[in-house]
Structures are given as C-alpha cells and as structure tokens.
Amino acid sequence: MDIDLILKDGYTIPITSKPRKLTIAIDEGRIIDLGDKKTIKNKYSGKEIDASRKIVLPGLINTHSHIPMTLLRGLADDLPLKTWLEDYIWPAEANLEATDIYRGAMLGCMELIKNGITCFNDMYFHMEQVAEVVKETGLRANLSYGMVTKNKEGNEIEEELREGVSFAERYQGQADGKITTSLAPHSPSTCSKSFLEETREKARGRIQIHLSETEEEFEEIHSKHGMTPVQYLDEIGLLSPDLLAAHSVHLANKDLGLLHQNQVKVSHNPSSNMKLASGAAPVQDMIDYGLTVSLGTDGAASNNCLNIFREMKTAALLQKIKNGDPTSLKARDALKMATINGASSLGLEDEIGSIEEGKKADIILLNGNESTLNPRYDIVSNLVYSANGSEVTDVLVDGEIIMRENSLLTLDEREVLKRTEKSSKKIRSKVIE
C-alpha cells in the first residue's frame, strides 16, 4: 500500500504507552499504523524519513499565549507589574496596527516551530492576522479575540462581544480544520458580571479566561463580591469542562474542589508567574485533585520566550521548592502537561497529544545525539530536565513537514526578522525614546 510518509525506527515516546523503537506510518494527515520497521515496511511503501538517530515525540502544545507580543520581548523587564503595564506594555499595544500583529505573530510562530510546538492557544486583538499566519505556517491553533469591558460602556461593550463571537464563528474550522476557536473574556476583574454571563450564553464551544493570576485580582474580587474569583465564576455559571483557566495561582482550598467538580482545565504558566512575581500555583495539589493541568508560556513580554521545554523544567522545579518536596511534579507528569493534557485542555485529546493509531500526525523529531539527551538512563527525565528545544530537528503538523533538519519550510526566516525590525523601530520611537 502506497502512503504519504514513513518515520522509520525512531525511539518514540508515545505518552500513553512506554517509550520504544517504532516505525510510524502516516497517510492523509493521520497515523495509520505503528510497529517495528520490518512489519511496517512489508505493509507500506512511500517517502521515508530515517529516524533511527532521533527521539520522536508528539508535538508540544502551548495552552496560553499572546503570540503577537513577541514584538514586545525585552521592551520592559524587571519592573513592578503596574509600571510594566501602564508605562510600557499598554502604550506599546495602543500603537500596534494590524500589520504589526501579523509580523509579531509570524515571529512567534517561527519560534514555536523551532521549539517543537505544533499547537498553541492564543488570545489577543487583530486575531484575523494571527489566523492568517497559522494558515501560512501550517501550525495548529485555538484562537480567540480577547474581550475587555473595563473602562468601556454601552455600545463599546456590546461591540466587544460581537467581535469575539464573530471571530469565533468565522474562523472555526479554517486552515483545513487546524484552526479552532473559543470565546475569551480577559478576566473576572476586567470584564463585568453581566458581560461574563452573556459570554456564557453566547458560547457555542470553549471559553478561555485569565483566573486568579495575581494576589491583587484575588483581593479585588473578594472585596467586591465576598468570594474568591473561582467562587465568583461558579456563581455566574462559567465553570465547566469547556473552560480553560490560565494561571490559577491564588486558590483557596474550596476553589480546588470547585474546579475539579466542574472539570475546569488549567493552563499553568510558571515562567511568566515567576517573572511578574505573581506567585507559584499549587500545581501538585491540582494534580492530586484530578484536575487536567497543561502548560503555557504567556506572552513573550512576560516570559520572554515561547519554549515549552523550558516550561516543563521550570514547572517541575517550582513545585519542588514550593512544597519542599523533591518528589513533587515528576518529569512524566510535566511531559504529560506539555502534550496530552494540553490536547485535553483544548478539547483535542482524540486528535493530538500522543502518538497513537488514528490520531493526527502532529509529531516532532529531536536529535538523539545531542549531549542534553545522553546518556539515556531515563529519556523522559532528559527531555524535561536537560533538553532546551534546540534539539528539535523536524516538525510535522497534520502529516505535513514544516521543518526538516532545522530548515523552516513554510516561512522565510530572514524576511520575518526584517519585518520584525520595522515594527520594533516604530515601537521604540513611540514608547521608549
């Protein structure tokens, strides 16, 4: 049988089963068979990639990002949150036009591909530009227009919801199904109660929101409503299996029970939380409660990179120091957060997140000869604690090769950097100088 692609004899970490040497048969974007190289070779013919010196993983998933903010990387570091936002980030964003968003998204997607991230979850503005970049680069994404009602009134508030719903309806299923959408009210403190209730009524699929990110947010909601942000969303009826809550740093004991009871998914963003001194989320407690916890980078302005390998290590180490327990958040749990848990958080667990027959061929290959992956006493530990993303050599999404032996195939790296510089010069002149 002639098929599209055979990944031959790679040391494979399927996530849902034990690591082992496997040959993977891919056709029409999906994994159609797995087995030893002799068996697969006897059954199929087609283009082959020799993966015998490679480590093979499902593509990594970034469940919380603001991809165009790569344009603001390094703009304002080591500052208090209020100064960072009000004096630098918000003024810079006020000057961003659709062209800038496109350039920032392209730079961000280039970084994602190089770091083995095949799917990302994003909220920002001018999201049609991000969608265009997803189509051009071949990545997979869940996209949302970020909705805010703070300091807005009347028609402005109505327009926010119209824009969010319109974007979700227009772009759902585009890019041959690689684009999915959700509604994204920014947070309980930047969206009114009535707006959150209306969002719940309008939602036809998933919702994402920043939740309990900072102590200030926690105290603000508690002061206004006499309850925690999680309890507040529960009263509104927003907690559900379709809700993805980013950050979730400041949680009362009752909050964990409510999140679990409603099967809410959580995106943990350890580097961003640390950089902005937001705190350390109780991730091990969430896992012990049975919550689905995934990993996000947040925007490059508060991280400053889009690298899930780094987030795996940071997440694991942060839980160990938070709990005073070296057994907290084991490497295998961190790898699940970056793969199958990310898929579950986006409602895509039947499609991506592991290497299994019938799933989409979102797969990455790493150079097994890199020093960071050797010796191989425990390859999962190597991936979490010593890999840094530079080991990624090949990236496939839907069975299409978008990076081959470190060469990007769907974008021009020099042109991306050239365009980025044009936008950064504008930001520098209007915000810094």
Protein backbone atom coordinates (compact mmCIF):
# COMPACT_ATOMS: atom_id res chain seq x y z
CA MET A 1 0.00 0.00 0.00
CA ASP A 2 1.40 3.37 -1.01
CA ILE A 3 1.16 6.02 1.72
CA ASP A 4 2.38 9.57 2.31
CA LEU A 5 5.20 9.08 4.82
CA ILE A 6 7.05 6.55 6.95
CA LEU A 7 9.06 7.64 10.00
CA LYS A 8 11.46 4.75 10.32
CA ASP A 9 12.78 3.27 13.54
CA GLY A 10 12.76 6.29 15.85
CA TYR A 11 12.97 5.99 19.61
CA THR A 12 9.39 7.05 20.30
CA ILE A 13 7.71 8.45 23.41
CA PRO A 14 4.02 7.86 22.63
CA ILE A 15 2.95 9.40 26.03
CA THR A 16 0.11 6.90 26.52
CA SER A 17 2.45 3.88 26.41
CA LYS A 18 6.08 3.05 27.14
CA PRO A 19 8.93 4.55 25.09
CA ARG A 20 10.28 2.17 22.47
CA LYS A 21 11.64 1.91 18.94
CA LEU A 22 8.77 2.37 16.49
CA THR A 23 8.20 2.92 12.81
CA ILE A 24 5.22 5.18 12.12
CA ALA A 25 3.05 5.01 9.00
CA ILE A 26 1.33 8.29 8.08
CA ASP A 27 -1.31 8.89 5.43
CA GLU A 28 -3.71 11.76 4.76
CA GLY A 29 -2.52 13.56 7.86
CA ARG A 30 -3.05 10.73 10.32
CA ILE A 31 -1.07 7.95 11.94
CA ILE A 32 -2.43 4.79 10.34
CA ASP A 33 -0.07 2.21 11.82
CA LEU A 34 2.73 1.70 14.35
CA GLY A 35 5.15 -1.17 14.69
CA ASP A 36 8.64 -2.48 14.11
CA LYS A 37 10.33 -1.34 10.92
CA LYS A 38 10.18 -4.75 9.21
CA THR A 39 6.43 -5.14 9.73
CA ILE A 40 5.65 -1.60 8.55
CA LYS A 41 7.99 -1.92 5.54
CA ASN A 42 6.24 -5.13 4.49
CA LYS A 43 2.84 -3.42 4.59
CA TYR A 44 3.52 0.07 3.20
CA SER A 45 5.64 1.99 0.72
CA GLY A 46 6.18 5.72 0.42
CA LYS A 47 8.52 8.55 1.30
CA GLU A 48 10.74 7.61 4.23
CA ILE A 49 12.49 9.59 6.93
CA ASP A 50 15.23 7.73 8.77
CA ALA A 51 14.52 8.44 12.42
CA SER A 52 16.95 5.85 13.82
CA ARG A 53 19.06 8.55 15.49
CA LYS A 54 16.04 10.58 16.54
CA ILE A 55 13.81 10.90 19.58
CA VAL A 56 10.19 11.02 18.41
CA LEU A 57 7.53 12.90 20.38
CA PRO A 58 4.02 14.18 19.82
CA GLY A 59 4.15 17.89 19.04
CA LEU A 60 4.22 20.05 22.16
CA ILE A 61 1.18 22.20 22.99
CA ASN A 62 1.24 25.73 24.39
CA THR A 63 -2.15 26.34 26.04
CA HIS A 64 -1.77 30.02 26.90
CA SER A 65 -0.09 32.66 24.79
CA HIS A 66 -0.38 36.09 23.25
CA ILE A 67 1.77 35.32 20.22
CA PRO A 68 1.99 38.83 18.70
CA MET A 69 3.58 40.05 21.94
CA THR A 70 6.87 38.67 20.67
CA LEU A 71 7.19 42.22 19.28
CA LEU A 72 7.40 43.45 22.89
CA ARG A 73 10.07 40.98 24.01
CA GLY A 74 12.60 42.78 26.22
CA LEU A 75 10.74 46.09 26.00
CA ALA A 76 10.28 46.44 29.74
CA ASP A 77 11.88 43.97 32.11
CA ASP A 78 12.45 43.83 35.88
CA LEU A 79 9.70 46.31 36.67
CA PRO A 80 6.71 46.26 39.03
CA LEU A 81 3.58 44.92 37.32
CA LYS A 82 1.74 48.27 37.42
CA THR A 83 4.70 50.16 35.90
CA TRP A 84 5.31 47.41 33.36
CA LEU A 85 1.71 47.51 32.15
CA GLU A 86 0.79 51.18 32.39
CA ASP A 87 4.04 52.82 31.29
CA TYR A 88 5.23 50.36 28.64
CA ILE A 89 3.01 47.48 27.56
CA TRP A 90 -0.33 49.29 27.19
CA PRO A 91 1.22 52.31 25.41
CA ALA A 92 3.06 49.95 23.06
CA GLU A 93 -0.08 47.94 22.33
CA ALA A 94 -2.01 51.16 21.62
CA ASN A 95 0.38 51.75 18.73
CA LEU A 96 0.13 48.28 17.23
CA GLU A 97 -1.64 48.07 13.89
CA ALA A 98 -2.83 45.01 12.01
CA THR A 99 0.46 44.80 10.09
CA ASP A 100 2.42 44.77 13.35
CA ILE A 101 0.23 41.98 14.73
CA TYR A 102 0.92 39.92 11.60
CA ARG A 103 4.67 40.46 11.95
CA GLY A 104 4.67 39.64 15.65
CA ALA A 105 2.59 36.52 15.07
CA MET A 106 4.94 35.37 12.31
CA LEU A 107 7.97 35.86 14.57
CA GLY A 108 6.18 33.99 17.36
CA CYS A 109 5.16 31.10 15.13
CA MET A 110 8.71 30.79 13.84
CA GLU A 111 9.85 30.43 17.44
CA LEU A 112 7.13 27.88 18.20
CA ILE A 113 8.13 25.67 15.28
CA LYS A 114 11.81 25.76 16.19
CA ASN A 115 10.94 24.68 19.72
CA GLY A 116 8.74 21.79 18.65
CA ILE A 117 5.38 23.39 19.49
CA THR A 118 2.83 22.28 16.92
CA CYS A 119 -0.32 23.70 18.53
CA PHE A 120 -0.94 26.89 20.51
CA ASN A 121 -3.86 28.59 22.24
CA ASP A 122 -3.96 32.34 21.79
CA MET A 123 -5.94 35.43 22.71
CA TYR A 124 -5.19 38.98 21.57
CA PHE A 125 -6.57 41.56 19.13
CA HIS A 126 -6.45 41.76 15.31
CA MET A 127 -6.73 37.99 15.55
CA GLU A 128 -7.52 37.65 11.86
CA GLN A 129 -3.82 38.41 11.34
CA VAL A 130 -2.83 35.58 13.66
CA ALA A 131 -5.18 33.25 11.80
CA GLU A 132 -3.52 34.19 8.51
CA VAL A 133 -0.11 33.35 9.96
CA VAL A 134 -1.41 29.98 11.19
CA LYS A 135 -2.58 29.21 7.67
CA GLU A 136 0.75 30.21 6.14
CA THR A 137 2.98 28.38 8.61
CA GLY A 138 0.94 25.18 8.83
CA LEU A 139 0.64 25.20 12.62
CA ARG A 140 -2.44 24.20 14.60
CA ALA A 141 -4.10 26.75 16.88
CA ASN A 142 -7.10 27.61 19.01
CA LEU A 143 -7.68 31.35 18.59
CA SER A 144 -9.79 33.93 20.41
CA TYR A 145 -10.34 37.65 20.36
CA GLY A 146 -9.52 38.88 23.87
CA MET A 147 -12.57 40.72 25.24
CA VAL A 148 -12.32 43.50 27.85
CA THR A 149 -15.09 45.73 29.23
CA LYS A 150 -13.13 47.69 31.84
CA ASN A 151 -13.24 51.45 31.10
CA LYS A 152 -15.82 50.81 28.37
CA GLU A 153 -19.56 51.41 28.28
CA GLY A 154 -22.69 50.99 26.18
CA ASN A 155 -22.02 50.21 22.55
CA GLU A 156 -18.32 49.60 23.20
CA ILE A 157 -19.18 46.69 25.48
CA GLU A 158 -21.68 45.25 23.03
CA GLU A 159 -19.10 45.54 20.27
CA GLU A 160 -16.57 43.54 22.32
CA LEU A 161 -18.89 40.56 22.48
CA ARG A 162 -19.93 40.92 18.86
CA GLU A 163 -16.28 40.93 17.81
CA GLY A 164 -15.47 37.89 19.95
CA VAL A 165 -18.43 35.87 18.70
CA SER A 166 -17.96 36.95 15.09
CA PHE A 167 -14.30 35.95 15.06
CA ALA A 168 -15.07 32.57 16.64
CA GLU A 169 -17.79 31.80 14.11
CA ARG A 170 -15.83 32.98 11.06
CA TYR A 171 -12.60 31.14 11.79
CA GLN A 172 -13.78 27.89 13.38
CA GLY A 173 -12.52 25.03 11.20
CA GLN A 174 -10.40 27.14 8.86
CA ALA A 175 -6.94 26.06 7.66
CA ASP A 176 -8.32 22.58 6.83
CA GLY A 177 -9.57 22.24 10.40
CA LYS A 178 -6.30 23.24 12.04
CA ILE A 179 -7.90 26.41 13.44
CA THR A 180 -10.42 26.06 16.24
CA THR A 181 -11.83 28.98 18.21
CA SER A 182 -13.22 29.93 21.60
CA LEU A 183 -14.53 32.99 23.42
CA ALA A 184 -12.06 34.82 25.65
CA PRO A 185 -13.28 37.24 28.29
CA HIS A 186 -9.99 38.58 29.62
CA SER A 187 -10.51 38.07 33.37
CA PRO A 188 -13.07 38.45 36.20
CA SER A 189 -11.56 41.83 37.07
CA THR A 190 -11.55 43.29 33.54
CA CYS A 191 -14.99 42.05 32.46
CA SER A 192 -18.28 42.92 34.18
CA LYS A 193 -20.51 40.25 35.71
CA SER A 194 -23.24 40.86 33.14
CA PHE A 195 -20.69 40.54 30.32
CA LEU A 196 -19.41 37.24 31.70
CA GLU A 197 -22.98 35.98 31.96
CA GLU A 198 -23.70 36.99 28.38
CA THR A 199 -20.47 35.34 27.24
CA ARG A 200 -21.62 32.12 28.87
CA GLU A 201 -24.93 32.34 27.00
CA LYS A 202 -23.27 33.07 23.64
CA ALA A 203 -20.60 30.40 23.90
CA ARG A 204 -21.08 27.51 21.48
CA GLY A 205 -17.82 25.85 22.42
CA ARG A 206 -14.83 26.53 24.62
CA ILE A 207 -14.09 29.59 26.76
CA GLN A 208 -10.69 30.73 28.00
CA ILE A 209 -10.02 33.28 30.73
CA HIS A 210 -7.23 34.57 32.99
CA LEU A 211 -8.17 33.46 36.50
CA SER A 212 -6.66 34.26 39.91
CA GLU A 213 -3.42 35.31 38.29
CA THR A 214 -2.38 37.82 40.94
CA GLU A 215 -3.00 38.45 44.61
CA GLU A 216 -4.40 41.87 43.64
CA GLU A 217 -7.04 40.22 41.43
CA PHE A 218 -7.91 37.78 44.22
CA GLU A 219 -8.33 40.59 46.75
CA GLU A 220 -10.28 42.81 44.34
CA ILE A 221 -12.88 40.15 43.58
CA HIS A 222 -13.11 39.14 47.23
CA SER A 223 -13.59 42.77 48.30
CA LYS A 224 -16.30 43.44 45.69
CA HIS A 225 -18.18 40.17 45.82
CA GLY A 226 -17.25 38.50 49.11
CA MET A 227 -15.86 35.43 47.39
CA THR A 228 -12.79 34.19 45.54
CA PRO A 229 -12.52 34.60 41.75
CA VAL A 230 -13.20 30.87 41.31
CA GLN A 231 -16.29 31.02 43.52
CA TYR A 232 -17.40 34.15 41.63
CA LEU A 233 -17.21 32.35 38.27
CA ASP A 234 -19.05 29.39 39.80
CA GLU A 235 -21.90 31.68 40.88
CA ILE A 236 -22.06 33.09 37.34
CA GLY A 237 -22.17 29.57 35.94
CA LEU A 238 -18.97 29.91 33.95
CA LEU A 239 -17.15 26.93 35.46
CA SER A 240 -17.49 23.95 33.14
CA PRO A 241 -15.45 21.24 31.34
CA ASP A 242 -15.20 23.67 28.41
CA LEU A 243 -13.46 26.39 30.46
CA LEU A 244 -9.68 26.79 30.29
CA ALA A 245 -8.41 28.92 33.19
CA ALA A 246 -4.97 30.43 32.66
CA HIS A 247 -2.63 30.91 35.64
CA SER A 248 -4.88 29.96 38.62
CA VAL A 249 -2.13 30.93 41.04
CA HIS A 250 -4.10 32.09 44.08
CA LEU A 251 -6.60 29.41 45.06
CA ALA A 252 -8.40 28.68 48.32
CA ASN A 253 -8.93 25.04 49.29
CA LYS A 254 -12.58 25.26 48.28
CA ASP A 255 -11.50 26.54 44.85
CA LEU A 256 -9.70 23.32 44.04
CA GLY A 257 -12.85 21.36 44.81
CA LEU A 258 -14.97 23.63 42.61
CA LEU A 259 -12.52 23.40 39.71
CA HIS A 260 -12.47 19.62 39.98
CA GLN A 261 -16.23 19.33 40.41
CA ASN A 262 -16.77 21.32 37.22
CA GLN A 263 -13.88 19.65 35.34
CA VAL A 264 -12.29 23.01 34.57
CA LYS A 265 -8.95 22.82 32.73
CA VAL A 266 -5.97 24.86 33.98
CA SER A 267 -3.07 26.31 31.99
CA HIS A 268 -0.02 26.71 34.22
CA ASN A 269 2.42 29.48 33.20
CA PRO A 270 5.34 29.13 35.61
CA SER A 271 7.93 31.41 33.97
CA SER A 272 5.54 34.32 33.49
CA ASN A 273 4.18 33.92 37.02
CA MET A 274 7.71 33.98 38.42
CA LYS A 275 8.90 36.92 36.33
CA LEU A 276 5.96 39.11 37.35
CA ALA A 277 6.15 37.84 40.94
CA SER A 278 2.56 36.63 40.69
CA GLY A 279 3.28 33.57 42.80
CA ALA A 280 3.58 29.80 42.48
CA ALA A 281 0.39 27.97 41.52
CA PRO A 282 -0.45 24.85 43.57
CA VAL A 283 0.02 22.51 40.61
CA GLN A 284 0.75 19.35 42.57
CA ASP A 285 -2.41 19.95 44.60
CA MET A 286 -4.35 20.36 41.35
CA ILE A 287 -2.98 17.09 40.01
CA ASP A 288 -3.77 15.33 43.29
CA TYR A 289 -7.35 16.62 42.97
CA GLY A 290 -7.52 15.09 39.49
CA LEU A 291 -7.52 18.35 37.55
CA THR A 292 -6.23 18.48 33.98
CA VAL A 293 -3.27 20.88 34.07
CA SER A 294 -1.36 21.90 30.93
CA LEU A 295 1.48 24.33 30.21
CA GLY A 296 1.54 27.81 28.70
CA THR A 297 4.23 30.38 28.10
CA ASP A 298 2.05 33.51 28.27
CA GLY A 299 3.28 36.34 26.04
CA ALA A 300 6.95 36.89 25.25
CA ALA A 301 6.77 40.25 27.04
CA SER A 302 6.44 38.44 30.36
CA ASN A 303 8.44 35.27 29.82
CA ASN A 304 10.48 36.17 27.47
CA CYS A 305 10.36 33.15 25.20
CA LEU A 306 7.91 30.66 23.75
CA ASN A 307 9.55 27.43 24.83
CA ILE A 308 7.60 24.58 26.41
CA PHE A 309 10.77 22.59 27.12
CA ARG A 310 11.78 25.40 29.49
CA GLU A 311 8.28 25.48 30.99
CA MET A 312 8.38 21.75 31.74
CA LYS A 313 11.57 22.09 33.73
CA THR A 314 10.52 25.32 35.44
CA ALA A 315 7.16 23.87 36.41
CA ALA A 316 8.74 20.77 37.93
CA LEU A 317 11.41 22.67 39.85
CA LEU A 318 8.99 25.33 41.09
CA GLN A 319 6.67 22.74 42.61
CA LYS A 320 9.57 21.04 44.37
CA ILE A 321 10.69 24.27 46.02
CA LYS A 322 7.10 25.39 46.74
CA ASN A 323 6.28 22.14 48.52
CA GLY A 324 9.72 21.44 49.96
CA ASP A 325 9.45 18.02 48.35
CA PRO A 326 11.74 16.74 45.55
CA THR A 327 9.06 14.23 44.51
CA SER A 328 6.56 16.97 43.59
CA LEU A 329 5.61 17.20 39.92
CA LYS A 330 7.59 14.34 38.47
CA ALA A 331 9.11 14.54 35.00
CA ARG A 332 6.46 12.25 33.49
CA ASP A 333 3.69 14.48 34.76
CA ALA A 334 5.43 17.56 33.32
CA LEU A 335 5.70 15.86 29.92
CA LYS A 336 2.00 14.97 30.01
CA MET A 337 1.21 18.59 30.79
CA ALA A 338 3.05 19.60 27.62
CA THR A 339 1.32 17.02 25.41
CA ILE A 340 -1.83 15.01 26.16
CA ASN A 341 -3.04 17.37 28.92
CA GLY A 342 -2.65 20.28 26.52
CA ALA A 343 -4.76 18.43 23.96
CA SER A 344 -7.44 17.70 26.58
CA SER A 345 -7.45 21.35 27.64
CA LEU A 346 -8.36 22.35 24.09
CA GLY A 347 -10.87 19.55 23.54
CA LEU A 348 -8.49 17.87 21.10
CA GLU A 349 -7.50 14.77 23.07
CA ASP A 350 -8.98 12.49 20.40
CA GLU A 351 -6.88 14.18 17.71
CA ILE A 352 -3.47 15.15 19.09
CA GLY A 353 -1.25 14.98 22.19
CA SER A 354 0.03 11.42 21.83
CA ILE A 355 1.35 9.09 19.17
CA GLU A 356 -1.43 6.59 18.56
CA GLU A 357 -3.08 4.98 15.57
CA GLY A 358 -5.87 7.17 14.24
CA LYS A 359 -4.56 10.44 15.67
CA LYS A 360 -3.35 13.42 13.68
CA ALA A 361 0.33 13.21 12.74
CA ASP A 362 1.49 16.18 14.81
CA ILE A 363 4.98 14.87 15.54
CA ILE A 364 8.42 16.27 16.33
CA LEU A 365 11.84 14.68 15.96
CA LEU A 366 14.81 15.52 18.17
CA ASN A 367 18.49 14.84 17.50
CA GLY A 368 19.20 11.87 19.74
CA ASN A 369 22.96 12.55 19.52
CA GLU A 370 22.73 15.86 21.37
CA SER A 371 24.62 15.86 24.67
CA THR A 372 21.50 17.00 26.54
CA LEU A 373 19.73 13.75 25.65
CA ASN A 374 22.56 11.44 26.72
CA PRO A 375 23.20 9.11 28.45
CA ARG A 376 19.70 7.62 28.31
CA TYR A 377 19.07 6.23 31.75
CA ASP A 378 15.67 7.90 31.58
CA ILE A 379 14.80 9.69 28.34
CA VAL A 380 11.76 11.42 29.86
CA SER A 381 13.93 12.95 32.56
CA ASN A 382 16.36 14.12 29.88
CA LEU A 383 13.55 15.74 27.92
CA VAL A 384 12.19 17.59 30.95
CA TYR A 385 15.34 18.49 32.89
CA SER A 386 18.07 18.92 30.27
CA ALA A 387 16.56 19.43 26.79
CA ASN A 388 16.16 23.07 25.81
CA GLY A 389 14.38 22.95 22.44
CA SER A 390 17.44 23.32 20.24
CA GLU A 391 17.43 19.53 19.86
CA VAL A 392 14.30 19.69 17.66
CA THR A 393 15.19 18.96 14.03
CA ASP A 394 11.89 18.11 12.32
CA VAL A 395 8.29 19.20 12.83
CA LEU A 396 5.15 17.69 11.30
CA VAL A 397 1.59 19.02 11.59
CA ASP A 398 -1.25 17.03 10.03
CA GLY A 399 1.44 14.88 8.48
CA GLU A 400 2.91 17.86 6.62
CA ILE A 401 6.61 18.58 7.21
CA ILE A 402 7.02 22.24 8.20
CA MET A 403 10.61 21.95 9.46
CA ARG A 404 13.11 19.45 8.07
CA GLU A 405 16.58 19.04 9.57
CA ASN A 406 16.34 22.51 11.16
CA SER A 407 15.25 24.20 7.91
CA LEU A 408 11.92 26.06 8.10
CA LEU A 409 9.82 25.16 5.07
CA THR A 410 6.76 27.39 5.41
CA LEU A 411 8.34 30.76 6.12
CA ASP A 412 11.38 32.83 5.22
CA GLU A 413 13.35 33.39 8.41
CA ARG A 414 15.32 36.37 7.10
CA GLU A 415 12.20 38.10 5.84
CA VAL A 416 10.43 37.53 9.17
CA LEU A 417 13.30 39.17 11.06
CA LYS A 418 13.48 42.04 8.57
CA ARG A 419 9.78 42.81 9.01
CA THR A 420 10.03 42.46 12.77
CA GLU A 421 12.70 45.16 12.83
CA LYS A 422 10.39 47.58 11.03
CA SER A 423 7.72 47.21 13.69
CA SER A 424 10.17 47.29 16.59
CA LYS A 425 11.63 50.58 15.33
CA LYS A 426 8.16 52.10 15.45
CA ILE A 427 7.56 50.83 18.98
CA ARG A 428 10.96 52.09 20.09
CA SER A 429 10.32 55.58 18.74
CA LYS A 430 6.84 55.91 20.26
CA VAL A 431 7.29 54.22 23.63
CA ILE A 432 10.95 54.34 24.65
CA GLU A 433 12.58 57.38 23.09
